[in-house]
Amino acid sequence: MSKNLHISALLDVYGAFLGDKQRELTDYYYNDDLSLSEIAENEGITRQGVRDQIKRAEQTLFSLEEKCGYCRRFLRLKELSELAKAGDGAAIKEITDIIEEL
């Protein structure tokens, strides 16, 4: 998974744990594909200020994922569900194990 998609997924899962401004700026950058300069101009702050907020948000998102692992589990469950549909018994067992962990 590319870094942009990964952070976008993390933002979906853990975005509520960010401050409003961090979440908004990170969303503009990763989901709306705005450049740092475009965001800075729209928000009336410096490009460096935008970059700093996004970098802090990334660190928070990665830290939360490292501690909780919800995004990783969700993506793994999606993969396993496809295997389970094809009749893979091991995939069904792993799905059950992941659900029991939660």
Foldseek 3Di string as FASTA:
>chain_A
DDPLVVVVLLCVVCVVVADPVLSVLLCCVRVVVDQLVVVCVVVVHDSVVSVVSPVVVSVVSVVVCVVPVPSVLVVLLVVLVVVVVVPDPVSVVVNVVSVVVD
